[in-house]
Amino acid sequence: MKLNKNFLVHKSGKDIVVVPTNNAEFSGVIKGNQTLGSLLELLKKDISREELINAMMTKYDASRDILEKEVDSTISRLKEIGAIDE
């Protein structure tokens, strides 16, 4: 999976903002924290769910279960708005 080219990621202070371009079907803004920013950085290249979780485990001091839930929840939301290409 990979971040769709029709979505741009901006950092605004400590917040991460995902903004669709005119070519995206979604209209709105997704605002998140540094964890979202880390996931989006990884999603700039094609990556599997397992690779995402493993990368997040090396960056954050959290259990695998918590990171799996966070990754799955974030990916699910991004898929809902069309921000993920599979």
PDB file of N, CA and C in Angstrom:
ATOM      1  N   MET A   1       0.847  -1.176   0.000  1.00  0.00           N
ATOM      2  CA  MET A   1       0.000   0.000   0.000  1.00  0.00           C
ATOM      3  C   MET A   1       0.890   1.236   0.000  1.00  0.00           C
ATOM      4  N   LYS A   2       0.288   2.346  -0.423  1.00  0.00           N
ATOM      5  CA  LYS A   2       1.049   3.570  -0.584  1.00  0.00           C
ATOM      6  C   LYS A   2       0.091   4.760  -0.512  1.00  0.00           C
ATOM      7  N   LEU A   3       0.592   5.899  -0.054  1.00  0.00           N
ATOM      8  CA  LEU A   3      -0.227   7.109  -0.015  1.00  0.00           C
ATOM      9  C   LEU A   3      -0.570   7.533  -1.441  1.00  0.00           C
ATOM     10  N   ASN A   4      -1.828   7.806  -1.677  1.00  0.00           N
ATOM     11  CA  ASN A   4      -2.303   8.238  -2.988  1.00  0.00           C
ATOM     12  C   ASN A   4      -1.687   9.584  -3.343  1.00  0.00           C
ATOM     13  N   LYS A   5      -1.271   9.739  -4.590  1.00  0.00           N
ATOM     14  CA  LYS A   5      -0.607  10.963  -5.042  1.00  0.00           C
ATOM     15  C   LYS A   5      -1.522  12.187  -4.998  1.00  0.00           C
ATOM     16  N   ASN A   6      -2.817  11.983  -4.832  1.00  0.00           N
ATOM     17  CA  ASN A   6      -3.768  13.091  -4.775  1.00  0.00           C
ATOM     18  C   ASN A   6      -3.948  13.649  -3.363  1.00  0.00           C
ATOM     19  N   PHE A   7      -3.074  13.240  -2.446  1.00  0.00           N
ATOM     20  CA  PHE A   7      -3.129  13.738  -1.074  1.00  0.00           C
ATOM     21  C   PHE A   7      -1.764  14.279  -0.686  1.00  0.00           C
ATOM     22  N   LEU A   8      -1.764  15.451  -0.100  1.00  0.00           N
ATOM     23  CA  LEU A   8      -0.532  16.111   0.322  1.00  0.00           C
ATOM     24  C   LEU A   8      -0.458  16.118   1.841  1.00  0.00           C
ATOM     25  N   VAL A   9       0.744  15.992   2.361  1.00  0.00           N
ATOM     26  CA  VAL A   9       0.965  15.981   3.802  1.00  0.00           C
ATOM     27  C   VAL A   9       1.746  17.237   4.176  1.00  0.00           C
ATOM     28  N   HIS A  10       1.225  17.955   5.168  1.00  0.00           N
ATOM     29  CA  HIS A  10       1.880  19.170   5.650  1.00  0.00           C
ATOM     30  C   HIS A  10       2.052  19.078   7.157  1.00  0.00           C
ATOM     31  N   LYS A  11       3.151  19.615   7.639  1.00  0.00           N
ATOM     32  CA  LYS A  11       3.371  19.703   9.083  1.00  0.00           C
ATOM     33  C   LYS A  11       3.099  21.139   9.491  1.00  0.00           C
ATOM     34  N   SER A  12       2.273  21.297  10.508  1.00  0.00           N
ATOM     35  CA  SER A  12       1.929  22.621  11.018  1.00  0.00           C
ATOM     36  C   SER A  12       2.158  22.599  12.527  1.00  0.00           C
ATOM     37  N   GLY A  13       3.319  23.048  12.943  1.00  0.00           N
ATOM     38  CA  GLY A  13       3.679  22.940  14.352  1.00  0.00           C
ATOM     39  C   GLY A  13       3.857  21.477  14.709  1.00  0.00           C
ATOM     40  N   LYS A  14       3.132  21.019  15.713  1.00  0.00           N
ATOM     41  CA  LYS A  14       3.190  19.608  16.092  1.00  0.00           C
ATOM     42  C   LYS A  14       2.119  18.776  15.390  1.00  0.00           C
ATOM     43  N   ASP A  15       1.252  19.448  14.651  1.00  0.00           N
ATOM     44  CA  ASP A  15       0.159  18.759  13.951  1.00  0.00           C
ATOM     45  C   ASP A  15       0.568  18.360  12.543  1.00  0.00           C
ATOM     46  N   ILE A  16       0.005  17.259  12.095  1.00  0.00           N
ATOM     47  CA  ILE A  16       0.154  16.797  10.722  1.00  0.00           C
ATOM     48  C   ILE A  16      -1.195  16.980  10.048  1.00  0.00           C
ATOM     49  N   VAL A  17      -1.179  17.537   8.848  1.00  0.00           N
ATOM     50  CA  VAL A  17      -2.413  17.787   8.120  1.00  0.00           C
ATOM     51  C   VAL A  17      -2.331  17.091   6.765  1.00  0.00           C
ATOM     52  N   VAL A  18      -3.362  16.322   6.442  1.00  0.00           N
ATOM     53  CA  VAL A  18      -3.460  15.652   5.148  1.00  0.00           C
ATOM     54  C   VAL A  18      -4.536  16.386   4.350  1.00  0.00           C
ATOM     55  N   VAL A  19      -4.140  16.868   3.174  1.00  0.00           N
ATOM     56  CA  VAL A  19      -5.031  17.689   2.355  1.00  0.00           C
ATOM     57  C   VAL A  19      -5.165  17.061   0.972  1.00  0.00           C
ATOM     58  N   PRO A  20      -6.397  16.912   0.478  1.00  0.00           N
ATOM     59  CA  PRO A  20      -6.565  16.368  -0.865  1.00  0.00           C
ATOM     60  C   PRO A  20      -6.302  17.432  -1.936  1.00  0.00           C
ATOM     61  N   THR A  21      -5.829  17.003  -3.073  1.00  0.00           N
ATOM     62  CA  THR A  21      -5.706  17.906  -4.216  1.00  0.00           C
ATOM     63  C   THR A  21      -7.063  17.976  -4.908  1.00  0.00           C
ATOM     64  N   ASN A  22      -7.161  18.767  -5.947  1.00  0.00           N
ATOM     65  CA  ASN A  22      -8.419  18.875  -6.700  1.00  0.00           C
ATOM     66  C   ASN A  22      -8.809  17.563  -7.354  1.00  0.00           C
ATOM     67  N   ASN A  23      -7.862  16.655  -7.563  1.00  0.00           N
ATOM     68  CA  ASN A  23      -8.142  15.386  -8.229  1.00  0.00           C
ATOM     69  C   ASN A  23      -8.700  14.320  -7.289  1.00  0.00           C
ATOM     70  N   ALA A  24      -8.695  14.558  -6.003  1.00  0.00           N
ATOM     71  CA  ALA A  24      -9.206  13.588  -5.032  1.00  0.00           C
ATOM     72  C   ALA A  24     -10.720  13.723  -4.905  1.00  0.00           C
ATOM     73  N   GLU A  25     -11.383  12.608  -4.638  1.00  0.00           N
ATOM     74  CA  GLU A  25     -12.834  12.633  -4.439  1.00  0.00           C
ATOM     75  C   GLU A  25     -13.198  13.159  -3.061  1.00  0.00           C
ATOM     76  N   PHE A  26     -12.322  13.015  -2.101  1.00  0.00           N
ATOM     77  CA  PHE A  26     -12.544  13.486  -0.734  1.00  0.00           C
ATOM     78  C   PHE A  26     -12.305  14.984  -0.666  1.00  0.00           C
ATOM     79  N   SER A  27     -13.174  15.689   0.041  1.00  0.00           N
ATOM     80  CA  SER A  27     -12.935  17.114   0.281  1.00  0.00           C
ATOM     81  C   SER A  27     -12.997  17.338   1.782  1.00  0.00           C
ATOM     82  N   GLY A  28     -11.917  17.774   2.309  1.00  0.00           N
ATOM     83  CA  GLY A  28     -11.812  17.985   3.745  1.00  0.00           C
ATOM     84  C   GLY A  28     -10.350  17.921   4.134  1.00  0.00           C
ATOM     85  N   VAL A  29     -10.116  17.900   5.420  1.00  0.00           N
ATOM     86  CA  VAL A  29      -8.760  17.872   5.937  1.00  0.00           C
ATOM     87  C   VAL A  29      -8.705  16.843   7.053  1.00  0.00           C
ATOM     88  N   ILE A  30      -7.627  16.077   7.081  1.00  0.00           N
ATOM     89  CA  ILE A  30      -7.381  15.145   8.182  1.00  0.00           C
ATOM     90  C   ILE A  30      -6.259  15.737   9.018  1.00  0.00           C
ATOM     91  N   LYS A  31      -6.493  15.880  10.306  1.00  0.00           N
ATOM     92  CA  LYS A  31      -5.491  16.441  11.196  1.00  0.00           C
ATOM     93  C   LYS A  31      -5.078  15.366  12.191  1.00  0.00           C
ATOM     94  N   GLY A  32      -3.777  15.240  12.417  1.00  0.00           N
ATOM     95  CA  GLY A  32      -3.296  14.223  13.338  1.00  0.00           C
ATOM     96  C   GLY A  32      -2.027  14.646  14.053  1.00  0.00           C
ATOM     97  N   ASN A  33      -1.469  13.693  14.773  1.00  0.00           N
ATOM     98  CA  ASN A  33      -0.280  13.955  15.567  1.00  0.00           C
ATOM     99  C   ASN A  33       0.982  13.403  14.896  1.00  0.00           C
ATOM    100  N   GLN A  34       2.063  13.361  15.636  1.00  0.00           N
ATOM    101  CA  GLN A  34       3.334  12.892  15.096  1.00  0.00           C
ATOM    102  C   GLN A  34       3.283  11.411  14.713  1.00  0.00           C
ATOM    103  N   THR A  35       2.454  10.637  15.384  1.00  0.00           N
ATOM    104  CA  THR A  35       2.310   9.226  15.024  1.00  0.00           C
ATOM    105  C   THR A  35       1.743   9.108  13.611  1.00  0.00           C
ATOM    106  N   LEU A  36       0.728   9.891  13.309  1.00  0.00           N
ATOM    107  CA  LEU A  36       0.184   9.918  11.955  1.00  0.00           C
ATOM    108  C   LEU A  36       1.267  10.346  10.979  1.00  0.00           C
ATOM    109  N   GLY A  37       2.035  11.345  11.351  1.00  0.00           N
ATOM    110  CA  GLY A  37       3.119  11.805  10.492  1.00  0.00           C
ATOM    111  C   GLY A  37       4.127  10.705  10.195  1.00  0.00           C
ATOM    112  N   SER A  38       4.450   9.904  11.194  1.00  0.00           N
ATOM    113  CA  SER A  38       5.383   8.786  11.000  1.00  0.00           C
ATOM    114  C   SER A  38       4.812   7.765  10.026  1.00  0.00           C
ATOM    115  N   LEU A  39       3.538   7.443  10.186  1.00  0.00           N
ATOM    116  CA  LEU A  39       2.902   6.487   9.275  1.00  0.00           C
ATOM    117  C   LEU A  39       2.865   7.030   7.846  1.00  0.00           C
ATOM    118  N   LEU A  40       2.520   8.282   7.707  1.00  0.00           N
ATOM    119  CA  LEU A  40       2.442   8.877   6.374  1.00  0.00           C
ATOM    120  C   LEU A  40       3.811   8.942   5.705  1.00  0.00           C
ATOM    121  N   GLU A  41       4.841   9.190   6.481  1.00  0.00           N
ATOM    122  CA  GLU A  41       6.200   9.202   5.931  1.00  0.00           C
ATOM    123  C   GLU A  41       6.548   7.826   5.376  1.00  0.00           C
ATOM    124  N   LEU A  42       6.182   6.785   6.114  1.00  0.00           N
ATOM    125  CA  LEU A  42       6.434   5.411   5.656  1.00  0.00           C
ATOM    126  C   LEU A  42       5.609   5.073   4.419  1.00  0.00           C
ATOM    127  N   LEU A  43       4.415   5.665   4.327  1.00  0.00           N
ATOM    128  CA  LEU A  43       3.515   5.374   3.210  1.00  0.00           C
ATOM    129  C   LEU A  43       3.872   6.124   1.927  1.00  0.00           C
ATOM    130  N   LYS A  44       4.934   6.909   1.956  1.00  0.00           N
ATOM    131  CA  LYS A  44       5.389   7.563   0.731  1.00  0.00           C
ATOM    132  C   LYS A  44       5.916   6.528  -0.262  1.00  0.00           C
ATOM    133  N   LYS A  45       6.356   5.394   0.263  1.00  0.00           N
ATOM    134  CA  LYS A  45       6.818   4.282  -0.574  1.00  0.00           C
ATOM    135  C   LYS A  45       5.882   3.108  -0.348  1.00  0.00           C
ATOM    136  N   ASP A  46       5.823   2.213  -1.311  1.00  0.00           N
ATOM    137  CA  ASP A  46       4.983   1.028  -1.184  1.00  0.00           C
ATOM    138  C   ASP A  46       5.461   0.193   0.002  1.00  0.00           C
ATOM    139  N   ILE A  47       4.543  -0.141   0.913  1.00  0.00           N
ATOM    140  CA  ILE A  47       4.905  -0.838   2.133  1.00  0.00           C
ATOM    141  C   ILE A  47       3.745  -1.720   2.582  1.00  0.00           C
ATOM    142  N   SER A  48       4.050  -2.827   3.203  1.00  0.00           N
ATOM    143  CA  SER A  48       3.006  -3.736   3.694  1.00  0.00           C
ATOM    144  C   SER A  48       2.601  -3.350   5.117  1.00  0.00           C
ATOM    145  N   ARG A  49       1.480  -3.874   5.554  1.00  0.00           N
ATOM    146  CA  ARG A  49       1.010  -3.645   6.918  1.00  0.00           C
ATOM    147  C   ARG A  49       2.064  -4.111   7.913  1.00  0.00           C
ATOM    148  N   GLU A  50       2.611  -5.273   7.692  1.00  0.00           N
ATOM    149  CA  GLU A  50       3.613  -5.844   8.597  1.00  0.00           C
ATOM    150  C   GLU A  50       4.857  -4.954   8.671  1.00  0.00           C
ATOM    151  N   GLU A  51       5.287  -4.447   7.532  1.00  0.00           N
ATOM    152  CA  GLU A  51       6.448  -3.549   7.512  1.00  0.00           C
ATOM    153  C   GLU A  51       6.150  -2.247   8.256  1.00  0.00           C
ATOM    154  N   LEU A  52       4.928  -1.745   8.116  1.00  0.00           N
ATOM    155  CA  LEU A  52       4.528  -0.539   8.850  1.00  0.00           C
ATOM    156  C   LEU A  52       4.605  -0.758  10.356  1.00  0.00           C
ATOM    157  N   ILE A  53       4.045  -1.862  10.791  1.00  0.00           N
ATOM    158  CA  ILE A  53       4.028  -2.169  12.227  1.00  0.00           C
ATOM    159  C   ILE A  53       5.450  -2.331  12.743  1.00  0.00           C
ATOM    160  N   ASN A  54       6.273  -3.068  12.018  1.00  0.00           N
ATOM    161  CA  ASN A  54       7.663  -3.272  12.453  1.00  0.00           C
ATOM    162  C   ASN A  54       8.423  -1.951  12.526  1.00  0.00           C
ATOM    163  N   ALA A  55       8.219  -1.086  11.549  1.00  0.00           N
ATOM    164  CA  ALA A  55       8.894   0.218  11.552  1.00  0.00           C
ATOM    165  C   ALA A  55       8.424   1.065  12.732  1.00  0.00           C
ATOM    166  N   MET A  56       7.137   1.017  13.023  1.00  0.00           N
ATOM    167  CA  MET A  56       6.606   1.784  14.141  1.00  0.00           C
ATOM    168  C   MET A  56       7.120   1.242  15.473  1.00  0.00           C
ATOM    169  N   MET A  57       7.327  -0.059  15.549  1.00  0.00           N
ATOM    170  CA  MET A  57       7.860  -0.664  16.777  1.00  0.00           C
ATOM    171  C   MET A  57       9.280  -0.187  17.049  1.00  0.00           C
ATOM    172  N   THR A  58      10.054   0.046  16.008  1.00  0.00           N
ATOM    173  CA  THR A  58      11.418   0.526  16.223  1.00  0.00           C
ATOM    174  C   THR A  58      11.429   2.002  16.638  1.00  0.00           C
ATOM    175  N   LYS A  59      10.377   2.736  16.301  1.00  0.00           N
ATOM    176  CA  LYS A  59      10.323   4.173  16.590  1.00  0.00           C
ATOM    177  C   LYS A  59       9.647   4.492  17.918  1.00  0.00           C
ATOM    178  N   TYR A  60       8.643   3.725  18.289  1.00  0.00           N
ATOM    179  CA  TYR A  60       7.848   4.031  19.473  1.00  0.00           C
ATOM    180  C   TYR A  60       7.941   2.923  20.511  1.00  0.00           C
ATOM    181  N   ASP A  61       7.910   3.326  21.758  1.00  0.00           N
ATOM    182  CA  ASP A  61       7.953   2.386  22.877  1.00  0.00           C
ATOM    183  C   ASP A  61       6.517   2.024  23.249  1.00  0.00           C
ATOM    184  N   ALA A  62       5.959   1.099  22.484  1.00  0.00           N
ATOM    185  CA  ALA A  62       4.582   0.648  22.720  1.00  0.00           C
ATOM    186  C   ALA A  62       4.508  -0.835  22.376  1.00  0.00           C
ATOM    187  N   SER A  63       3.499  -1.492  22.912  1.00  0.00           N
ATOM    188  CA  SER A  63       3.348  -2.921  22.625  1.00  0.00           C
ATOM    189  C   SER A  63       2.914  -3.132  21.173  1.00  0.00           C
ATOM    190  N   ARG A  64       3.192  -4.311  20.686  1.00  0.00           N
ATOM    191  CA  ARG A  64       2.805  -4.658  19.319  1.00  0.00           C
ATOM    192  C   ARG A  64       1.288  -4.546  19.147  1.00  0.00           C
ATOM    193  N   ASP A  65       0.538  -5.004  20.150  1.00  0.00           N
ATOM    194  CA  ASP A  65      -0.929  -4.938  20.067  1.00  0.00           C
ATOM    195  C   ASP A  65      -1.426  -3.508  19.891  1.00  0.00           C
ATOM    196  N   ILE A  66      -0.873  -2.595  20.656  1.00  0.00           N
ATOM    197  CA  ILE A  66      -1.294  -1.196  20.560  1.00  0.00           C
ATOM    198  C   ILE A  66      -0.936  -0.628  19.195  1.00  0.00           C
ATOM    199  N   LEU A  67       0.266  -0.910  18.724  1.00  0.00           N
ATOM    200  CA  LEU A  67       0.685  -0.395  17.426  1.00  0.00           C
ATOM    201  C   LEU A  67      -0.121  -1.001  16.284  1.00  0.00           C
ATOM    202  N   GLU A  68      -0.454  -2.280  16.382  1.00  0.00           N
ATOM    203  CA  GLU A  68      -1.293  -2.909  15.356  1.00  0.00           C
ATOM    204  C   GLU A  68      -2.646  -2.218  15.284  1.00  0.00           C
ATOM    205  N   LYS A  69      -3.245  -1.949  16.433  1.00  0.00           N
ATOM    206  CA  LYS A  69      -4.552  -1.273  16.461  1.00  0.00           C
ATOM    207  C   LYS A  69      -4.445   0.130  15.882  1.00  0.00           C
ATOM    208  N   GLU A  70      -3.388   0.847  16.235  1.00  0.00           N
ATOM    209  CA  GLU A  70      -3.192   2.213  15.736  1.00  0.00           C
ATOM    210  C   GLU A  70      -2.989   2.216  14.225  1.00  0.00           C
ATOM    211  N   VAL A  71      -2.133   1.321  13.733  1.00  0.00           N
ATOM    212  CA  VAL A  71      -1.878   1.226  12.291  1.00  0.00           C
ATOM    213  C   VAL A  71      -3.154   0.842  11.554  1.00  0.00           C
ATOM    214  N   ASP A  72      -3.844  -0.187  12.045  1.00  0.00           N
ATOM    215  CA  ASP A  72      -5.071  -0.647  11.382  1.00  0.00           C
ATOM    216  C   ASP A  72      -6.137   0.438  11.351  1.00  0.00           C
ATOM    217  N   SER A  73      -6.302   1.141  12.448  1.00  0.00           N
ATOM    218  CA  SER A  73      -7.298   2.206  12.525  1.00  0.00           C
ATOM    219  C   SER A  73      -6.955   3.339  11.558  1.00  0.00           C
ATOM    220  N   THR A  74      -5.710   3.731  11.525  1.00  0.00           N
ATOM    221  CA  THR A  74      -5.283   4.820  10.645  1.00  0.00           C
ATOM    222  C   THR A  74      -5.409   4.431   9.184  1.00  0.00           C
ATOM    223  N   ILE A  75      -4.967   3.237   8.845  1.00  0.00           N
ATOM    224  CA  ILE A  75      -5.040   2.767   7.464  1.00  0.00           C
ATOM    225  C   ILE A  75      -6.501   2.659   7.025  1.00  0.00           C
ATOM    226  N   SER A  76      -7.349   2.171   7.908  1.00  0.00           N
ATOM    227  CA  SER A  76      -8.767   2.049   7.594  1.00  0.00           C
ATOM    228  C   SER A  76      -9.369   3.416   7.269  1.00  0.00           C
ATOM    229  N   ARG A  77      -9.060   4.408   8.081  1.00  0.00           N
ATOM    230  CA  ARG A  77      -9.584   5.762   7.852  1.00  0.00           C
ATOM    231  C   ARG A  77      -9.048   6.348   6.549  1.00  0.00           C
ATOM    232  N   LEU A  78      -7.761   6.156   6.293  1.00  0.00           N
ATOM    233  CA  LEU A  78      -7.168   6.670   5.058  1.00  0.00           C
ATOM    234  C   LEU A  78      -7.761   5.979   3.823  1.00  0.00           C
ATOM    235  N   LYS A  79      -8.061   4.702   3.946  1.00  0.00           N
ATOM    236  CA  LYS A  79      -8.695   3.980   2.832  1.00  0.00           C
ATOM    237  C   LYS A  79     -10.101   4.513   2.578  1.00  0.00           C
ATOM    238  N   GLU A  80     -10.833   4.826   3.659  1.00  0.00           N
ATOM    239  CA  GLU A  80     -12.198   5.342   3.527  1.00  0.00           C
ATOM    240  C   GLU A  80     -12.257   6.617   2.678  1.00  0.00           C
ATOM    241  N   ILE A  81     -11.234   7.430   2.777  1.00  0.00           N
ATOM    242  CA  ILE A  81     -11.236   8.697   2.032  1.00  0.00           C
ATOM    243  C   ILE A  81     -10.476   8.598   0.715  1.00  0.00           C
ATOM    244  N   GLY A  82      -9.973   7.412   0.410  1.00  0.00           N
ATOM    245  CA  GLY A  82      -9.277   7.207  -0.851  1.00  0.00           C
ATOM    246  C   GLY A  82      -7.820   7.644  -0.847  1.00  0.00           C
ATOM    247  N   ALA A  83      -7.226   7.786   0.337  1.00  0.00           N
ATOM    248  CA  ALA A  83      -5.854   8.280   0.442  1.00  0.00           C
ATOM    249  C   ALA A  83      -4.803   7.169   0.342  1.00  0.00           C
ATOM    250  N   ILE A  84      -5.247   5.916   0.249  1.00  0.00           N
ATOM    251  CA  ILE A  84      -4.319   4.779   0.154  1.00  0.00           C
ATOM    252  C   ILE A  84      -4.535   4.037  -1.147  1.00  0.00           C
ATOM    253  N   ASP A  85      -3.448   3.808  -1.860  1.00  0.00           N
ATOM    254  CA  ASP A  85      -3.455   2.943  -3.043  1.00  0.00           C
ATOM    255  C   ASP A  85      -2.937   1.578  -2.620  1.00  0.00           C
ATOM    256  N   GLU A  86      -3.627   0.548  -3.060  1.00  0.00           N
ATOM    257  CA  GLU A  86      -3.150  -0.798  -2.708  1.00  0.00           C
ATOM    258  C   GLU A  86      -2.495  -1.461  -3.891  1.00  0.00           C
TER     259      GLU A  86
END
